[in-house]
Amino acid sequence: MAMVRTLALCCDAINHANDKLPSMEPCKLLISDTHVGDTPRLLYIYHRWLPYILTVKAHDGSAFILKATDAPDKQKTGYYAKFTTALQYLALEEMQSN
C-alpha cells in the first residue's frame, strides 16, 4: 500500500509541475526497481501508474537486453535491444521492434 501511495504522490507532483510550467520542457518521472526472477512481482502496479516500462536483463557476461513496452491499456509497442560493454563503452549490437 505504501508503494501505491508513493507512486500516486509522485505522479500527482509531476502532473502539477507540468500544469504550472507549461512553457518549459515537461517534467518526467523515472522510477527504478530491482527484482529476482522472470517478471517483477508488482509489475501490475507499475502498469497502473506508469505509461512506459523498461526492463533490463543480463544476457551473458557482457551483454544486456533492454525491453521497452507501453502499459497494457495503452497502445501496444515494444522494442528489444542488445547492448554490450567493451572497453568501458556501452555499444548497441542489435535492435528490433515487436
Protein backbone atom coordinates (compact mmCIF):
# COMPACT_ATOMS: atom_id res chain seq x y z
CA MET A 1 0.00 0.00 0.00
CA ALA A 2 2.89 2.35 0.75
CA MET A 3 4.27 1.83 -2.77
CA VAL A 4 0.92 2.70 -4.36
CA ARG A 5 0.64 5.86 -2.27
CA THR A 6 4.19 6.85 -3.18
CA LEU A 7 3.56 6.30 -6.91
CA ALA A 8 0.34 8.30 -6.72
CA LEU A 9 2.12 11.16 -4.95
CA CYS A 10 4.95 11.17 -7.49
CA CYS A 11 2.55 11.16 -10.45
CA ASP A 12 0.47 13.95 -8.92
CA ALA A 13 3.59 16.03 -8.29
CA ILE A 14 4.78 15.63 -11.89
CA ASN A 15 1.34 16.49 -13.26
CA HIS A 16 1.13 19.56 -11.01
CA ALA A 17 4.59 20.74 -12.09
CA ASN A 18 3.72 20.30 -15.76
CA ASP A 19 0.44 22.23 -15.30
CA LYS A 20 2.19 25.13 -13.54
CA LEU A 21 5.08 25.37 -16.00
CA PRO A 22 3.53 24.70 -19.43
CA SER A 23 6.08 26.76 -21.39
CA MET A 24 9.06 24.76 -20.15
CA GLU A 25 10.16 21.24 -21.09
CA PRO A 26 7.76 18.80 -19.36
CA CYS A 27 8.94 17.02 -16.23
CA LYS A 28 9.43 13.26 -16.47
CA LEU A 29 9.29 10.65 -13.74
CA LEU A 30 11.86 7.85 -13.63
CA ILE A 31 11.44 5.02 -11.14
CA SER A 32 13.78 2.06 -10.81
CA ASP A 33 13.35 -1.27 -9.09
CA THR A 34 15.31 -4.49 -8.83
CA HIS A 35 13.91 -7.99 -8.69
CA VAL A 36 14.88 -11.64 -8.98
CA GLY A 37 13.00 -13.86 -11.40
CA ASP A 38 11.35 -13.52 -14.78
CA THR A 39 9.00 -10.61 -14.12
CA PRO A 40 8.73 -8.02 -11.36
CA ARG A 41 6.32 -9.23 -8.73
CA LEU A 42 4.49 -5.89 -8.63
CA LEU A 43 4.54 -5.16 -12.37
CA TYR A 44 0.75 -4.73 -12.46
CA ILE A 45 1.08 -1.79 -10.05
CA TYR A 46 3.72 -0.15 -12.23
CA HIS A 47 1.45 -0.58 -15.27
CA ARG A 48 -1.33 1.22 -13.41
CA TRP A 49 0.76 4.31 -12.65
CA LEU A 50 3.47 4.45 -15.31
CA PRO A 51 2.81 4.77 -19.05
CA TYR A 52 6.08 3.16 -20.17
CA ILE A 53 8.10 0.29 -18.70
CA LEU A 54 11.75 -0.52 -19.45
CA THR A 55 13.15 -3.88 -18.39
CA VAL A 56 16.90 -4.56 -18.39
CA LYS A 57 18.17 -8.14 -18.08
CA ALA A 58 21.68 -9.56 -18.13
CA HIS A 59 22.16 -11.65 -21.28
CA ASP A 60 25.64 -13.02 -20.72
CA GLY A 61 28.85 -11.80 -19.13
CA SER A 62 29.00 -8.52 -21.04
CA ALA A 63 25.60 -8.08 -22.72
CA PHE A 64 22.28 -6.67 -21.56
CA ILE A 65 18.81 -6.96 -23.08
CA LEU A 66 16.57 -3.87 -22.93
CA LYS A 67 12.84 -4.42 -23.47
CA ALA A 68 10.56 -1.40 -23.73
CA THR A 69 6.76 -1.70 -23.67
CA ASP A 70 3.79 0.55 -23.07
CA ALA A 71 1.37 -0.24 -20.28
CA PRO A 72 -1.23 -2.91 -21.23
CA ASP A 73 -4.12 -0.47 -21.53
CA LYS A 74 -2.11 1.81 -23.83
CA GLN A 75 -1.12 1.18 -27.43
CA LYS A 76 0.98 -1.98 -27.71
CA THR A 77 4.52 -1.23 -28.79
CA GLY A 78 7.67 -2.99 -27.89
CA TYR A 79 11.36 -2.85 -28.62
CA TYR A 80 14.20 -5.21 -27.98
CA ALA A 81 17.80 -4.02 -27.87
CA LYS A 82 21.00 -5.85 -27.06
CA PHE A 83 23.86 -3.86 -25.57
CA THR A 84 27.37 -4.98 -24.76
CA THR A 85 30.07 -3.41 -22.71
CA ALA A 86 33.51 -3.38 -24.26
CA LEU A 87 36.45 -1.18 -23.40
CA GLN A 88 34.30 0.77 -20.94
CA TYR A 89 31.75 1.72 -23.64
CA LEU A 90 28.13 0.69 -23.99
CA ALA A 91 27.53 -0.42 -27.59
CA LEU A 92 24.22 -1.22 -29.27
CA GLU A 93 24.55 -4.56 -31.06
CA GLU A 94 21.00 -5.27 -32.19
CA MET A 95 17.59 -3.59 -32.09
CA GLN A 96 14.20 -4.74 -33.31
CA SER A 97 10.56 -3.72 -32.94
CA ASN A 98 7.87 -6.16 -31.80
